[in-house]
Amino acid sequence: MADSTNKSTANPKVVAQPSGGDDHKGARRGAIFIGLVLVAYVIYLVVTGQVAQFWDALSNVQTGWVVVACVSMVLYLIFGIAAYAIAVWLDPVSPVGIRDLISVEASGIFFGNLTPMMMGSTPAQIYRLTKAGQNVGEAGAIQFTRFIVYQFGLVAWGAILMIARMPFFAKQYGDITLISVFSFGGHVCILLGIFAIALMPRMVMRVAHWIIRVLERAGVAHEKCARWHEFVNTEVMSFSVKFKLAAGHVSSMALTVVITMMQLAFFYLVPYFLMLAFGHHDVDFFSVMAASAFVQLLSSAVPLPGGTGGAEGGFALFLGHFFGSAATAGYLLWRLITFIAPTILAAPLLGLKSSHNASIHDRWDRAIARFGRGRRHDSSPAQVAAAASAAETVALEHAESAAIEHGSTSAAPKPSEVRARHRGTRVRKAEGGITVSPASLAKRRPPSADRR
């Protein structure tokens, strides 16, 4: 992500070519699968004779608390958009607007809910960011940084709630609660793997190149392995550099983490409000949040669209106890509010676009200026030095990535050499691509040359 101190006009929107984000065929298959699951569930209610019990529970539901549950889910979506807005705000020339971000969040919900393990979410959101005018590299950095923060929120909430309420669930359900522990461990491994790519890219690249060479010797096509080598060389280092730049904005990153934690809290509270709707006012909301977090961890690990199977089993295991006889009606309402309705409502928002090219950063500055605080146009010496240091880091990382591909780091310049090369001097490129010193450009021609 770009440094927020580099002010300039917003980039114009560009037309991006489809990159696989809008996988309508996969989403259609997921929708059909989930529809069949719902039909099977209705048949199950009829066969087991639970229809009367289901309608009796729904007839006594308190509508006000159902509305509160819906509002909680709306706040979950709003906080998700806000987290993206902070990431885009860090880039003062980003052409992505608020309506673009609504489309980004909607595409993540729609394609994520309809693909196994939400695998369609990330490419769909990157695609929407590029359609809004963001270049592919910046879009990938924004999306993967957001993914890291979201995974961190899941792990943080999981750790907090497991420590606080695991004794209760272990006593209630016994060893079966180990399922949530294994699921939590899986998310921790994912998070550690992402941090390894972000913070130790050269080691990850070496391992990745070694694995690709082994696959090539095992018979994988040379052309395919060459594409994998190129992908590792470009994407791993690019993501690492841009993530470090984003993480350098400590206050913004901390705010994103807080917003993500609040976002997940509203999602985990939906079952609690539904329990109140069914008249269960004696439940402990923190225990319900823990149960909801366990269900989320479990369903996200199931390789089926919408976490089908994990959501049903997790709800019956961890939340059914709180709903009692209203568990069937509670499950359907919970699934409707947190999954079916957001998926349906996200569909018409996929093509939403902002009607201007002004960046969120500039619009924020104008809004602040209206309150008399004014706008800052000049960067401080420390900010300029930080931007120069970031540019040097990018150049160094790309040089080292080329060396890693050839199995040697001797050709890569040392950080001290890069700093010495730039210390006390500035360079610029002439039209022919020759790098010259400003001092030579500043030399005055002799008077005789001027007279000619």
Protein backbone atom coordinates (compact mmCIF):
# COMPACT_ATOMS: atom_id res chain seq x y z
CA MET A 1 0.00 0.00 0.00
CA ALA A 2 1.20 3.43 -0.77
CA ASP A 3 2.39 5.81 1.89
CA SER A 4 -0.31 8.28 2.84
CA THR A 5 2.18 11.14 2.79
CA ASN A 6 2.61 11.09 -0.98
CA LYS A 7 -0.17 13.39 -2.13
CA SER A 8 -1.27 13.58 -5.74
CA THR A 9 -4.39 13.37 -7.78
CA ALA A 10 -6.33 10.14 -7.80
CA ASN A 11 -5.60 7.58 -10.46
CA PRO A 12 -8.31 7.30 -13.10
CA LYS A 13 -10.42 4.18 -13.07
CA VAL A 14 -9.23 1.46 -15.41
CA VAL A 15 -11.00 -1.41 -17.03
CA ALA A 16 -9.62 -4.67 -15.69
CA GLN A 17 -9.88 -7.91 -17.52
CA PRO A 18 -11.72 -10.71 -15.73
CA SER A 19 -9.26 -12.63 -13.60
CA GLY A 20 -11.40 -15.45 -12.31
CA GLY A 21 -12.96 -13.46 -9.47
CA ASP A 22 -16.42 -13.56 -10.98
CA ASP A 23 -16.74 -17.32 -11.12
CA HIS A 24 -20.47 -17.32 -11.77
CA LYS A 25 -20.47 -20.99 -12.73
CA GLY A 26 -18.95 -22.04 -9.39
CA ALA A 27 -21.31 -19.74 -7.49
CA ARG A 28 -24.27 -21.17 -9.40
CA ARG A 29 -23.26 -24.71 -8.50
CA GLY A 30 -22.87 -23.66 -4.85
CA ALA A 31 -26.32 -22.05 -4.83
CA ILE A 32 -27.91 -25.19 -6.29
CA PHE A 33 -26.12 -27.34 -3.71
CA ILE A 34 -27.26 -25.17 -0.79
CA GLY A 35 -30.82 -25.11 -2.18
CA LEU A 36 -30.85 -28.90 -2.28
CA VAL A 37 -29.57 -28.99 1.31
CA LEU A 38 -32.43 -26.75 2.45
CA VAL A 39 -34.96 -28.94 0.64
CA ALA A 40 -33.44 -32.01 2.30
CA TYR A 41 -33.72 -30.29 5.67
CA VAL A 42 -37.43 -29.54 5.13
CA ILE A 43 -37.99 -33.17 4.15
CA TYR A 44 -36.18 -34.22 7.33
CA LEU A 45 -38.55 -32.06 9.43
CA VAL A 46 -41.58 -33.63 7.78
CA VAL A 47 -40.32 -37.21 8.09
CA THR A 48 -39.35 -36.83 11.77
CA GLY A 49 -42.59 -35.08 12.66
CA GLN A 50 -40.96 -31.87 13.90
CA VAL A 51 -42.99 -29.51 11.71
CA ALA A 52 -45.58 -28.77 14.43
CA GLN A 53 -42.81 -28.11 16.97
CA PHE A 54 -41.07 -25.85 14.47
CA TRP A 55 -44.16 -23.71 13.78
CA ASP A 56 -45.01 -23.54 17.47
CA ALA A 57 -41.57 -22.12 18.23
CA LEU A 58 -41.83 -19.56 15.43
CA SER A 59 -45.33 -18.47 16.53
CA ASN A 60 -44.00 -17.47 19.96
CA VAL A 61 -40.90 -15.63 18.75
CA GLN A 62 -40.44 -12.00 19.84
CA THR A 63 -40.04 -9.99 16.63
CA GLY A 64 -38.13 -7.16 18.29
CA TRP A 65 -35.18 -9.35 19.19
CA VAL A 66 -35.16 -10.83 15.68
CA VAL A 67 -34.83 -7.28 14.36
CA VAL A 68 -31.94 -6.68 16.78
CA ALA A 69 -30.25 -9.83 15.43
CA CYS A 70 -30.65 -8.50 11.89
CA VAL A 71 -29.20 -5.13 12.93
CA SER A 72 -26.25 -6.96 14.50
CA MET A 73 -25.58 -8.67 11.16
CA VAL A 74 -25.86 -5.34 9.32
CA LEU A 75 -23.26 -3.88 11.69
CA TYR A 76 -21.04 -6.87 10.93
CA LEU A 77 -21.18 -5.91 7.24
CA ILE A 78 -20.64 -2.20 7.93
CA PHE A 79 -17.54 -2.88 10.03
CA GLY A 80 -16.23 -5.08 7.21
CA ILE A 81 -16.55 -2.17 4.78
CA ALA A 82 -14.91 0.16 7.31
CA ALA A 83 -11.89 -2.16 7.58
CA TYR A 84 -11.43 -1.95 3.80
CA ALA A 85 -11.90 1.83 3.90
CA ILE A 86 -8.95 2.21 6.29
CA ALA A 87 -6.74 0.14 3.97
CA VAL A 88 -7.75 2.25 0.97
CA TRP A 89 -7.39 5.50 2.95
CA LEU A 90 -3.69 4.75 3.42
CA ASP A 91 -3.23 5.22 -0.34
CA PRO A 92 -3.92 8.92 -1.11
CA VAL A 93 -4.20 8.26 -4.85
CA SER A 94 -6.45 5.20 -4.71
CA PRO A 95 -9.49 5.62 -7.00
CA VAL A 96 -11.58 3.20 -4.91
CA GLY A 97 -14.65 4.85 -3.36
CA ILE A 98 -17.12 3.82 -0.68
CA ARG A 99 -19.61 2.33 -3.14
CA ASP A 100 -16.75 0.37 -4.68
CA LEU A 101 -15.93 -1.00 -1.23
CA ILE A 102 -19.55 -2.01 -0.69
CA SER A 103 -19.26 -3.99 -3.92
CA VAL A 104 -15.97 -5.51 -2.70
CA GLU A 105 -17.54 -6.64 0.58
CA ALA A 106 -20.65 -7.93 -1.22
CA SER A 107 -18.57 -9.95 -3.69
CA GLY A 108 -16.66 -11.53 -0.80
CA ILE A 109 -19.91 -12.54 0.88
CA PHE A 110 -21.59 -13.80 -2.29
CA PHE A 111 -18.75 -15.83 -3.81
CA GLY A 112 -17.37 -16.84 -0.42
CA ASN A 113 -20.67 -18.25 0.80
CA LEU A 114 -21.21 -20.21 -2.40
CA THR A 115 -17.76 -21.80 -2.72
CA PRO A 116 -16.07 -24.46 -0.54
CA MET A 117 -14.16 -23.04 2.43
CA MET A 118 -14.93 -19.53 1.07
CA MET A 119 -12.17 -19.96 -1.53
CA GLY A 120 -14.01 -17.72 -4.00
CA SER A 121 -13.98 -14.74 -1.65
CA THR A 122 -10.38 -13.52 -2.08
CA PRO A 123 -10.13 -13.63 -5.91
CA ALA A 124 -13.58 -12.04 -6.22
CA GLN A 125 -12.61 -9.14 -3.96
CA ILE A 126 -9.27 -8.60 -5.72
CA TYR A 127 -11.15 -8.57 -9.03
CA ARG A 128 -13.62 -5.97 -7.74
CA LEU A 129 -10.79 -3.76 -6.50
CA THR A 130 -9.16 -3.86 -9.93
CA LYS A 131 -12.50 -3.06 -11.58
CA ALA A 132 -12.64 0.00 -9.33
CA GLY A 133 -9.28 1.17 -10.74
CA GLN A 134 -6.78 -0.25 -8.25
CA ASN A 135 -3.76 -1.91 -9.86
CA VAL A 136 -3.46 -5.65 -9.34
CA GLY A 137 -0.48 -5.47 -6.97
CA GLU A 138 -2.12 -2.92 -4.67
CA ALA A 139 -5.43 -4.79 -4.80
CA GLY A 140 -3.69 -8.01 -3.78
CA ALA A 141 -1.86 -6.26 -0.93
CA ILE A 142 -5.10 -4.68 0.35
CA GLN A 143 -7.00 -7.96 0.16
CA PHE A 144 -4.36 -10.19 1.71
CA THR A 145 -3.65 -7.68 4.48
CA ARG A 146 -7.38 -7.62 5.19
CA PHE A 147 -7.40 -11.44 5.13
CA ILE A 148 -4.54 -11.56 7.63
CA VAL A 149 -6.30 -9.17 10.00
CA TYR A 150 -9.54 -11.15 9.71
CA GLN A 151 -7.73 -14.43 10.43
CA PHE A 152 -6.00 -12.77 13.37
CA GLY A 153 -9.41 -11.67 14.68
CA LEU A 154 -10.75 -15.22 14.38
CA VAL A 155 -7.75 -16.64 16.22
CA ALA A 156 -7.77 -13.90 18.88
CA TRP A 157 -11.47 -14.31 19.62
CA GLY A 158 -11.10 -18.09 19.55
CA ALA A 159 -8.25 -17.98 22.06
CA ILE A 160 -10.09 -15.55 24.38
CA LEU A 161 -13.36 -17.49 24.33
CA MET A 162 -11.73 -20.91 24.61
CA ILE A 163 -9.74 -19.84 27.65
CA ALA A 164 -12.81 -18.29 29.25
CA ARG A 165 -15.42 -20.96 28.46
CA MET A 166 -13.67 -24.21 27.51
CA PRO A 167 -14.14 -25.72 31.01
CA PHE A 168 -17.90 -25.16 30.69
CA PHE A 169 -18.11 -26.85 27.28
CA ALA A 170 -15.76 -29.66 28.28
CA LYS A 171 -18.02 -30.40 31.25
CA GLN A 172 -21.14 -30.14 29.09
CA TYR A 173 -20.01 -32.17 26.05
CA GLY A 174 -16.85 -34.00 27.11
CA ASP A 175 -14.07 -34.90 24.70
CA ILE A 176 -16.13 -33.94 21.65
CA THR A 177 -15.17 -30.32 22.28
CA LEU A 178 -11.69 -31.26 21.03
CA ILE A 179 -13.14 -30.72 17.55
CA SER A 180 -13.13 -26.99 18.20
CA VAL A 181 -9.55 -27.20 19.47
CA PHE A 182 -8.39 -28.92 16.26
CA SER A 183 -10.26 -26.37 14.14
CA PHE A 184 -8.69 -23.55 16.13
CA GLY A 185 -5.26 -25.11 15.58
CA GLY A 186 -5.90 -25.19 11.83
CA HIS A 187 -6.63 -21.45 11.78
CA VAL A 188 -3.49 -20.79 13.83
CA CYS A 189 -1.44 -22.70 11.25
CA ILE A 190 -2.98 -20.69 8.42
CA LEU A 191 -2.17 -17.44 10.22
CA LEU A 192 1.42 -18.52 10.93
CA GLY A 193 1.87 -19.50 7.29
CA ILE A 194 0.67 -16.08 6.12
CA PHE A 195 2.96 -14.32 8.59
CA ALA A 196 5.85 -16.44 7.32
CA ILE A 197 5.20 -15.21 3.77
CA ALA A 198 4.90 -11.62 4.97
CA LEU A 199 7.90 -11.53 7.31
CA MET A 200 10.27 -14.22 5.92
CA PRO A 201 9.70 -14.08 2.16
CA ARG A 202 13.19 -15.19 1.13
CA MET A 203 12.99 -18.39 3.16
CA VAL A 204 9.49 -19.07 1.82
CA MET A 205 10.74 -18.49 -1.73
CA ARG A 206 13.63 -20.92 -1.29
CA VAL A 207 11.29 -23.60 0.05
CA ALA A 208 8.75 -22.92 -2.71
CA HIS A 209 11.38 -23.08 -5.47
CA TRP A 210 12.72 -26.35 -3.99
CA ILE A 211 9.23 -27.88 -3.94
CA ILE A 212 8.61 -26.78 -7.54
CA ARG A 213 11.92 -28.33 -8.67
CA VAL A 214 10.97 -31.58 -6.94
CA LEU A 215 7.60 -31.56 -8.73
CA GLU A 216 9.33 -30.90 -12.03
CA ARG A 217 11.59 -33.91 -11.52
CA ALA A 218 8.50 -35.94 -10.65
CA GLY A 219 7.06 -35.26 -14.10
CA VAL A 220 5.10 -31.99 -13.86
CA ALA A 221 5.22 -30.04 -17.15
CA HIS A 222 8.17 -27.67 -17.49
CA GLU A 223 5.96 -24.79 -18.68
CA LYS A 224 3.72 -25.09 -15.64
CA CYS A 225 6.69 -25.16 -13.27
CA ALA A 226 8.15 -22.11 -15.00
CA ARG A 227 4.90 -20.23 -14.36
CA TRP A 228 5.03 -21.28 -10.71
CA HIS A 229 8.63 -20.06 -10.40
CA GLU A 230 7.62 -16.72 -11.90
CA PHE A 231 4.62 -16.45 -9.59
CA VAL A 232 6.77 -17.12 -6.52
CA ASN A 233 9.38 -14.55 -7.62
CA THR A 234 6.87 -11.78 -8.23
CA GLU A 235 3.97 -12.31 -5.85
CA VAL A 236 5.67 -13.49 -2.64
CA MET A 237 8.15 -10.63 -2.46
CA SER A 238 5.61 -8.06 -3.66
CA PHE A 239 3.12 -9.13 -1.01
CA SER A 240 5.79 -9.08 1.70
CA VAL A 241 6.99 -5.58 0.82
CA LYS A 242 3.49 -4.14 0.61
CA PHE A 243 2.40 -5.83 3.81
CA LYS A 244 5.39 -4.34 5.63
CA LEU A 245 4.49 -0.91 4.28
CA ALA A 246 0.91 -1.37 5.49
CA ALA A 247 2.07 -2.67 8.87
CA GLY A 248 4.28 0.42 9.17
CA HIS A 249 1.11 2.43 9.71
CA VAL A 250 0.82 1.10 13.27
CA SER A 251 -2.15 3.22 14.32
CA SER A 252 -4.16 2.37 11.18
CA MET A 253 -3.32 -1.32 11.49
CA ALA A 254 -4.31 -1.31 15.17
CA LEU A 255 -7.59 0.41 14.30
CA THR A 256 -8.27 -2.22 11.62
CA VAL A 257 -7.69 -4.99 14.18
CA VAL A 258 -10.10 -3.32 16.63
CA ILE A 259 -12.75 -2.90 13.93
CA THR A 260 -12.36 -6.54 12.89
CA MET A 261 -12.72 -7.73 16.48
CA MET A 262 -15.91 -5.67 16.81
CA GLN A 263 -17.15 -7.03 13.48
CA LEU A 264 -16.75 -10.62 14.65
CA ALA A 265 -18.32 -9.79 18.01
CA PHE A 266 -21.54 -8.67 16.30
CA PHE A 267 -21.56 -11.87 14.26
CA TYR A 268 -21.10 -14.00 17.38
CA LEU A 269 -23.94 -12.15 19.15
CA VAL A 270 -26.60 -13.02 16.55
CA PRO A 271 -27.45 -16.39 18.23
CA TYR A 272 -27.69 -14.62 21.60
CA PHE A 273 -30.32 -12.19 20.32
CA LEU A 274 -32.21 -15.08 18.73
CA MET A 275 -32.25 -16.88 22.08
CA LEU A 276 -33.77 -13.77 23.63
CA ALA A 277 -36.33 -13.79 20.80
CA PHE A 278 -37.38 -17.29 21.86
CA GLY A 279 -37.68 -16.21 25.50
CA HIS A 280 -34.41 -17.66 26.83
CA HIS A 281 -33.34 -14.69 28.97
CA ASP A 282 -31.27 -16.70 31.42
CA VAL A 283 -28.40 -17.50 29.02
CA ASP A 284 -24.90 -16.11 29.46
CA PHE A 285 -24.05 -14.01 26.40
CA PHE A 286 -20.32 -14.73 26.76
CA SER A 287 -20.94 -18.49 26.67
CA VAL A 288 -23.15 -18.02 23.62
CA MET A 289 -20.40 -15.99 21.93
CA ALA A 290 -17.96 -18.80 22.66
CA ALA A 291 -20.34 -21.39 21.21
CA SER A 292 -20.89 -19.22 18.12
CA ALA A 293 -17.12 -18.85 17.67
CA PHE A 294 -16.69 -22.64 17.87
CA VAL A 295 -19.40 -23.10 15.22
CA GLN A 296 -17.66 -20.56 12.96
CA LEU A 297 -14.29 -22.28 13.35
CA LEU A 298 -15.83 -25.66 12.61
CA SER A 299 -17.93 -24.63 9.59
CA SER A 300 -15.04 -22.76 7.95
CA ALA A 301 -13.00 -25.98 7.94
CA VAL A 302 -15.61 -28.00 6.01
CA PRO A 303 -14.81 -28.15 2.25
CA LEU A 304 -18.42 -27.60 1.13
CA PRO A 305 -20.25 -24.42 0.01
CA GLY A 306 -21.43 -22.45 3.01
CA GLY A 307 -19.69 -24.82 5.40
CA THR A 308 -22.63 -27.19 4.93
CA GLY A 309 -22.38 -29.99 7.43
CA GLY A 310 -20.06 -28.09 9.74
CA ALA A 311 -22.64 -25.35 10.34
CA GLU A 312 -25.43 -27.83 11.10
CA GLY A 313 -23.27 -30.09 13.24
CA GLY A 314 -21.64 -27.19 15.05
CA PHE A 315 -24.98 -25.54 15.78
CA ALA A 316 -26.48 -28.76 17.11
CA LEU A 317 -23.38 -29.45 19.20
CA PHE A 318 -22.59 -26.04 20.70
CA LEU A 319 -25.75 -23.90 20.35
CA GLY A 320 -28.60 -26.42 20.42
CA HIS A 321 -28.24 -26.79 24.19
CA PHE A 322 -29.08 -23.09 24.71
CA PHE A 323 -32.12 -23.10 22.37
CA GLY A 324 -33.68 -26.22 23.89
CA SER A 325 -36.94 -27.20 22.16
CA ALA A 326 -36.61 -24.21 19.80
CA ALA A 327 -33.31 -25.48 18.37
CA THR A 328 -34.78 -26.29 14.94
CA ALA A 329 -36.45 -22.90 14.51
CA GLY A 330 -33.40 -21.18 16.00
CA TYR A 331 -31.10 -22.87 13.51
CA LEU A 332 -33.18 -21.86 10.51
CA LEU A 333 -33.46 -18.25 11.69
CA TRP A 334 -29.73 -18.13 12.43
CA ARG A 335 -28.90 -19.57 9.01
CA LEU A 336 -31.33 -17.19 7.33
CA ILE A 337 -29.89 -14.07 9.01
CA THR A 338 -26.18 -14.93 8.84
CA PHE A 339 -25.99 -16.81 5.54
CA ILE A 340 -28.99 -16.97 3.19
CA ALA A 341 -30.19 -13.35 3.42
CA PRO A 342 -26.67 -11.80 3.12
CA THR A 343 -25.95 -13.99 0.09
CA ILE A 344 -29.19 -12.98 -1.65
CA LEU A 345 -28.88 -9.28 -0.75
CA ALA A 346 -25.22 -9.19 -1.87
CA ALA A 347 -26.08 -10.21 -5.45
CA PRO A 348 -27.51 -6.83 -6.61
CA LEU A 349 -24.58 -4.99 -4.99
CA LEU A 350 -21.88 -6.77 -7.01
CA GLY A 351 -21.87 -4.15 -9.77
CA LEU A 352 -22.05 -1.09 -7.51
CA LYS A 353 -19.52 1.61 -8.55
CA SER A 354 -18.50 5.01 -7.26
CA SER A 355 -19.33 7.85 -9.64
CA HIS A 356 -16.13 9.85 -9.04
CA ASN A 357 -12.36 9.40 -9.05
CA ALA A 358 -11.57 11.32 -5.85
CA SER A 359 -9.73 9.17 -3.34
CA ILE A 360 -11.16 8.46 0.10
CA HIS A 361 -8.05 10.13 1.54
CA ASP A 362 -8.72 13.39 -0.34
CA ARG A 363 -12.42 13.34 0.50
CA TRP A 364 -11.53 12.82 4.16
CA ASP A 365 -9.14 15.78 4.01
CA ARG A 366 -11.84 17.98 2.49
CA ALA A 367 -14.30 16.90 5.19
CA ILE A 368 -11.75 17.73 7.90
CA ALA A 369 -11.05 21.09 6.22
CA ARG A 370 -14.71 22.02 6.56
CA PHE A 371 -14.29 21.82 10.33
CA GLY A 372 -11.39 24.28 10.21
CA ARG A 373 -8.48 21.87 10.59
CA GLY A 374 -7.21 22.44 7.05
CA ARG A 375 -5.24 20.13 4.81
CA ARG A 376 -1.59 19.18 4.93
CA HIS A 377 0.27 19.24 1.64
CA ASP A 378 3.89 19.07 2.73
CA SER A 379 5.62 16.00 4.00
CA SER A 380 8.00 16.22 6.91
CA PRO A 381 11.69 15.27 6.46
CA ALA A 382 11.07 12.10 8.46
CA GLN A 383 8.20 11.12 6.15
CA VAL A 384 10.29 11.79 3.04
CA ALA A 385 13.11 9.67 4.51
CA ALA A 386 10.65 6.87 5.28
CA ALA A 387 9.32 6.92 1.71
CA ALA A 388 12.88 6.82 0.32
CA SER A 389 13.76 3.94 2.64
CA ALA A 390 10.68 2.03 1.45
CA ALA A 391 11.71 2.55 -2.19
CA GLU A 392 15.21 1.26 -1.41
CA THR A 393 13.71 -1.78 0.32
CA VAL A 394 11.58 -2.60 -2.73
CA ALA A 395 14.62 -2.39 -5.02
CA LEU A 396 16.67 -4.58 -2.68
CA GLU A 397 13.94 -7.19 -2.28
CA HIS A 398 13.44 -7.54 -6.04
CA ALA A 399 17.19 -7.92 -6.58
CA GLU A 400 17.35 -10.61 -3.92
CA SER A 401 14.34 -12.45 -5.36
CA ALA A 402 16.16 -12.75 -8.69
CA ALA A 403 19.21 -14.13 -6.87
CA ILE A 404 17.11 -16.65 -4.95
CA GLU A 405 15.63 -18.01 -8.17
CA HIS A 406 19.17 -18.89 -9.33
CA GLY A 407 20.06 -20.39 -5.96
CA SER A 408 22.53 -17.69 -4.92
CA THR A 409 22.43 -14.46 -2.99
CA SER A 410 25.91 -13.23 -3.93
CA ALA A 411 24.54 -11.07 -6.74
CA ALA A 412 22.12 -9.27 -4.48
CA PRO A 413 23.32 -5.90 -3.19
CA LYS A 414 23.72 -5.51 0.54
CA PRO A 415 21.48 -3.03 2.36
CA SER A 416 24.54 -0.92 3.23
CA GLU A 417 25.47 -0.74 -0.45
CA VAL A 418 21.97 0.40 -1.39
CA ARG A 419 21.99 3.06 1.29
CA ALA A 420 25.50 4.22 0.30
CA ARG A 421 24.42 4.40 -3.30
CA HIS A 422 21.59 6.78 -2.42
CA ARG A 423 23.15 8.65 0.49
CA GLY A 424 23.54 12.36 -0.19
CA THR A 425 22.53 12.17 -3.82
CA ARG A 426 19.42 11.95 -5.91
CA VAL A 427 19.11 10.52 -9.38
CA ARG A 428 16.66 10.95 -12.18
CA LYS A 429 16.18 9.28 -15.55
CA ALA A 430 16.50 11.03 -18.86
CA GLU A 431 14.20 10.23 -21.78
CA GLY A 432 16.67 7.72 -23.20
CA GLY A 433 16.62 5.76 -19.96
CA ILE A 434 20.08 6.98 -18.81
CA THR A 435 20.44 7.71 -15.12
CA VAL A 436 22.22 11.03 -14.62
CA SER A 437 23.16 13.16 -11.67
CA PRO A 438 21.15 16.34 -11.01
CA ALA A 439 24.47 18.06 -10.43
CA SER A 440 25.42 17.55 -14.06
CA LEU A 441 22.02 18.76 -15.16
CA ALA A 442 22.49 21.88 -13.09
CA LYS A 443 25.76 22.82 -14.84
CA ARG A 444 25.34 25.95 -16.88
CA ARG A 445 26.32 25.91 -20.50
CA PRO A 446 29.04 28.36 -21.59
CA PRO A 447 27.82 31.71 -22.93
CA SER A 448 29.09 30.81 -26.39
CA ALA A 449 26.75 27.82 -26.50
CA ASP A 450 23.83 30.02 -25.52
CA ARG A 451 24.60 32.46 -28.32
CA ARG A 452 24.51 29.66 -30.82
